[in-house]
Amino acid sequence: MDAGLVRSWVEGWVVSRGAAPPVAEPWGFTVDVGLSGHVTRHVLADADEALVRKLTETATAPGTWLKVFLPPQTVAPWVAPGWGFDDDGFLMSAPLRPTAATAPEGYRVRTWTRGGVTRVLVATRDGALAARGQVAVPGPGGTAVFDQVETSAAHRRKGLGRLVMRTLGNAAATTGSPAAVLAATTEGRALYESLGWRTHGPLTSLSREDPARPPGT
């Protein structure tokens, strides 16, 4: 995976989530997140079997996450016991250009910016959440990172995902950001590709399980 693209994603993600500044490692980055189920994450920009085996054997604290830019079927045989896989993901990018973004009838859009993060809320007339998302720009002219884009199940297939993406893109473009990057789910990837985003490769996520936590909790 392109090291510059990975760095841009990490630097924007920590702004979006309010995490600690990333610490550079020989193989990528370590980020302290500080949540009970997501304490620390290691982003492996250049992973191989030896590195994955070493980290999954030595990083034993529950709430530790690994992000690996390889397919899950490649990574799985290298992983030590005690780790679980999250849903498949992909790293994607796109240039930013101003685009018309109009809410469908029956919906309203609100945006606000704080601490380098712009949030978009699409709600129904009575205030129910329909769709949302956020974008972080780590500095003037930096690469924007789209994050936590979602549409409520009852409001899908109404163009709200496109509305959120275009509104976020317009907000980032006004800061001088020329391009954006995001981590997509399998479901989200189809939407983003239809909007001109490029898939650079797989993004496998795995986390250290908590042996004290009962299954399913």
Protein backbone atom coordinates (compact mmCIF):
# COMPACT_ATOMS: atom_id res chain seq x y z
CA MET A 1 0.00 0.00 0.00
CA ASP A 2 1.21 3.53 -0.80
CA ALA A 3 2.89 4.88 2.34
CA GLY A 4 1.79 8.47 1.70
CA LEU A 5 -1.84 7.43 1.36
CA VAL A 6 -1.68 5.46 4.61
CA ARG A 7 -0.09 8.41 6.42
CA SER A 8 -2.82 10.75 5.16
CA TRP A 9 -5.53 8.37 6.34
CA VAL A 10 -3.96 7.96 9.79
CA GLU A 11 -3.35 11.69 10.28
CA GLY A 12 -6.92 12.58 9.36
CA TRP A 13 -8.47 9.70 11.29
CA VAL A 14 -6.90 10.77 14.59
CA VAL A 15 -8.34 14.27 14.10
CA SER A 16 -11.75 12.84 13.26
CA ARG A 17 -11.82 10.58 16.33
CA GLY A 18 -9.97 12.83 18.78
CA ALA A 19 -7.23 10.21 19.20
CA ALA A 20 -3.62 10.83 20.19
CA PRO A 21 -1.14 11.92 17.52
CA PRO A 22 0.22 8.89 15.63
CA VAL A 23 3.62 7.51 16.58
CA ALA A 24 5.74 6.46 13.61
CA GLU A 25 7.00 2.88 13.66
CA PRO A 26 9.38 1.07 11.25
CA TRP A 27 6.32 -0.74 9.87
CA GLY A 28 3.68 2.03 10.10
CA PHE A 29 1.97 3.83 12.98
CA THR A 30 0.71 3.29 16.51
CA VAL A 31 -2.28 5.33 17.68
CA ASP A 32 -3.64 5.56 21.23
CA VAL A 33 -7.43 5.80 20.92
CA GLY A 34 -8.41 5.50 24.56
CA LEU A 35 -11.73 3.64 24.32
CA SER A 36 -12.57 0.53 26.32
CA GLY A 37 -12.91 -1.68 23.26
CA HIS A 38 -10.37 0.22 21.19
CA VAL A 39 -7.47 1.24 23.36
CA THR A 40 -4.65 1.24 20.80
CA ARG A 41 -4.37 0.53 17.10
CA HIS A 42 -1.35 -0.47 15.04
CA VAL A 43 -1.55 0.45 11.36
CA LEU A 44 0.76 -1.80 9.35
CA ALA A 45 1.56 0.08 6.16
CA ASP A 46 3.93 -2.66 5.01
CA ALA A 47 2.91 -5.97 6.59
CA ASP A 48 4.28 -9.45 6.06
CA GLU A 49 3.92 -12.80 7.78
CA ALA A 50 6.76 -12.27 10.26
CA LEU A 51 5.42 -8.89 11.41
CA VAL A 52 1.81 -10.05 11.81
CA ARG A 53 2.92 -13.12 13.74
CA LYS A 54 5.13 -11.03 16.02
CA LEU A 55 2.51 -8.38 16.79
CA THR A 56 -0.35 -10.80 17.34
CA GLU A 57 1.83 -12.88 19.68
CA THR A 58 3.18 -9.94 21.71
CA ALA A 59 0.28 -7.44 21.72
CA THR A 60 -1.99 -9.24 24.18
CA ALA A 61 -3.94 -6.37 25.79
CA PRO A 62 -7.70 -6.50 25.09
CA GLY A 63 -8.81 -3.58 22.92
CA THR A 64 -5.69 -3.65 20.74
CA TRP A 65 -6.43 -3.39 17.02
CA LEU A 66 -4.38 -4.13 13.92
CA LYS A 67 -5.03 -2.60 10.51
CA VAL A 68 -3.39 -4.56 7.69
CA PHE A 69 -3.49 -3.74 3.98
CA LEU A 70 -3.80 -7.33 2.83
CA PRO A 71 -6.81 -9.63 2.20
CA PRO A 72 -8.17 -11.38 5.31
CA GLN A 73 -7.59 -14.82 3.77
CA THR A 74 -3.89 -13.95 3.45
CA VAL A 75 -3.60 -12.65 7.00
CA ALA A 76 -5.66 -15.32 8.80
CA PRO A 77 -3.03 -18.11 8.86
CA TRP A 78 -0.49 -15.73 10.43
CA VAL A 79 -2.63 -14.60 13.37
CA ALA A 80 -2.03 -15.94 16.87
CA PRO A 81 -4.97 -17.26 18.93
CA GLY A 82 -7.08 -14.69 20.77
CA TRP A 83 -7.74 -12.34 17.85
CA GLY A 84 -10.99 -11.72 15.99
CA PHE A 85 -11.60 -10.28 12.52
CA ASP A 86 -13.87 -7.32 11.82
CA ASP A 87 -15.82 -6.82 8.58
CA ASP A 88 -13.84 -6.58 5.33
CA GLY A 89 -12.70 -3.08 4.38
CA PHE A 90 -10.96 -1.14 1.62
CA LEU A 91 -8.81 1.98 1.45
CA MET A 92 -10.13 4.44 -1.13
CA SER A 93 -9.34 7.94 -2.37
CA ALA A 94 -10.77 10.62 -4.64
CA PRO A 95 -10.02 14.16 -5.84
CA LEU A 96 -12.29 16.85 -4.40
CA ARG A 97 -14.40 19.07 -6.62
CA PRO A 98 -17.41 21.24 -5.70
CA THR A 99 -20.60 19.32 -6.47
CA ALA A 100 -24.28 20.22 -6.15
CA ALA A 101 -25.82 18.69 -3.03
CA THR A 102 -29.57 19.08 -2.59
CA ALA A 103 -31.66 17.32 0.04
CA PRO A 104 -34.67 15.31 -1.20
CA GLU A 105 -38.15 16.42 -0.23
CA GLY A 106 -38.86 15.70 3.40
CA TYR A 107 -35.28 15.97 4.64
CA ARG A 108 -33.11 18.76 6.00
CA VAL A 109 -29.33 19.06 6.23
CA ARG A 110 -27.26 20.65 8.95
CA THR A 111 -23.46 21.00 9.00
CA TRP A 112 -21.10 22.29 11.67
CA THR A 113 -17.34 22.43 12.14
CA ARG A 114 -15.30 22.13 15.30
CA GLY A 115 -11.67 21.22 15.88
CA GLY A 116 -10.92 20.52 12.23
CA VAL A 117 -13.91 18.18 11.84
CA THR A 118 -17.04 18.99 9.84
CA ARG A 119 -20.13 16.93 10.59
CA VAL A 120 -23.18 16.51 8.40
CA LEU A 121 -26.57 15.53 9.73
CA VAL A 122 -29.51 14.63 7.49
CA ALA A 123 -32.76 14.48 9.43
CA THR A 124 -36.42 14.09 8.69
CA ARG A 125 -38.82 16.97 9.22
CA ASP A 126 -39.65 15.65 12.68
CA GLY A 127 -35.98 15.37 13.62
CA ALA A 128 -35.30 11.63 13.18
CA LEU A 129 -31.77 10.68 12.12
CA ALA A 130 -31.68 9.68 8.46
CA ALA A 131 -27.98 9.88 7.55
CA ARG A 132 -24.75 11.31 8.85
CA GLY A 133 -21.00 11.56 8.29
CA GLN A 134 -17.94 13.61 9.11
CA VAL A 135 -14.74 14.77 7.47
CA ALA A 136 -11.46 15.80 9.07
CA VAL A 137 -8.80 18.01 7.51
CA PRO A 138 -5.59 17.81 9.57
CA GLY A 139 -4.18 21.08 8.22
CA PRO A 140 -4.51 23.69 5.45
CA GLY A 141 -4.26 21.97 2.08
CA GLY A 142 -4.08 18.54 3.69
CA THR A 143 -5.80 15.39 2.55
CA ALA A 144 -9.32 15.14 3.96
CA VAL A 145 -10.47 11.95 5.67
CA PHE A 146 -14.12 10.94 5.42
CA ASP A 147 -15.35 8.98 8.40
CA GLN A 148 -18.42 7.37 10.00
CA VAL A 149 -20.67 7.81 6.98
CA GLU A 150 -23.94 5.96 7.52
CA THR A 151 -27.59 5.94 6.48
CA SER A 152 -30.34 4.66 8.75
CA ALA A 153 -31.95 1.46 7.47
CA ALA A 154 -35.37 3.09 7.03
CA HIS A 155 -33.95 5.84 4.79
CA ARG A 156 -31.73 3.93 2.39
CA ARG A 157 -32.00 4.05 -1.40
CA LYS A 158 -33.14 7.67 -1.30
CA GLY A 159 -29.85 9.31 -2.29
CA LEU A 160 -28.95 10.35 1.24
CA GLY A 161 -25.55 8.65 1.16
CA ARG A 162 -24.66 10.61 -1.95
CA LEU A 163 -25.96 13.78 -0.31
CA VAL A 164 -23.73 13.25 2.73
CA MET A 165 -20.66 12.46 0.64
CA ARG A 166 -21.10 15.48 -1.61
CA THR A 167 -21.77 17.79 1.33
CA LEU A 168 -18.64 16.54 3.10
CA GLY A 169 -16.61 16.91 -0.08
CA ASN A 170 -17.77 20.48 -0.58
CA ALA A 171 -16.89 21.34 3.02
CA ALA A 172 -13.40 19.88 2.69
CA ALA A 173 -12.80 21.56 -0.68
CA THR A 174 -13.53 24.99 0.80
CA THR A 175 -10.55 24.49 3.17
CA GLY A 176 -8.25 23.96 0.20
CA SER A 177 -8.07 20.20 0.53
CA PRO A 178 -7.39 18.73 -2.94
CA ALA A 179 -8.17 15.08 -2.22
CA ALA A 180 -9.77 12.73 0.27
CA VAL A 181 -9.27 9.22 1.60
CA LEU A 182 -11.49 6.84 3.55
CA ALA A 183 -11.79 3.30 4.84
CA ALA A 184 -14.85 1.70 3.25
CA THR A 185 -16.97 -1.29 4.14
CA THR A 186 -17.96 -3.73 1.40
CA GLU A 187 -21.43 -2.15 1.31
CA GLY A 188 -20.10 1.41 1.21
CA ARG A 189 -17.53 0.68 -1.47
CA ALA A 190 -20.18 0.41 -4.20
CA LEU A 191 -21.56 3.86 -3.36
CA TYR A 192 -18.13 5.47 -3.25
CA GLU A 193 -17.02 3.93 -6.54
CA SER A 194 -20.21 5.26 -8.17
CA LEU A 195 -19.12 8.73 -6.98
CA GLY A 196 -15.68 8.40 -8.57
CA TRP A 197 -13.65 7.05 -5.66
CA ARG A 198 -10.77 4.69 -6.41
CA THR A 199 -10.12 1.50 -4.45
CA HIS A 200 -6.43 1.06 -3.65
CA GLY A 201 -6.63 -2.28 -1.88
CA PRO A 202 -8.04 -4.31 0.99
CA LEU A 203 -7.99 -3.20 4.61
CA THR A 204 -8.22 -6.05 7.12
CA SER A 205 -9.11 -5.21 10.72
CA LEU A 206 -8.55 -7.51 13.68
CA SER A 207 -8.76 -6.94 17.41
CA ARG A 208 -7.49 -8.62 20.54
CA GLU A 209 -10.40 -10.26 22.30
CA ASP A 210 -11.10 -9.89 26.01
CA PRO A 211 -11.02 -13.34 27.61
CA ALA A 212 -12.98 -12.02 30.60
CA ARG A 213 -15.90 -10.90 28.44
CA PRO A 214 -18.64 -13.49 27.78
CA PRO A 215 -19.21 -14.31 24.09
CA GLY A 216 -21.72 -12.05 22.36
CA THR A 217 -21.25 -9.07 24.71
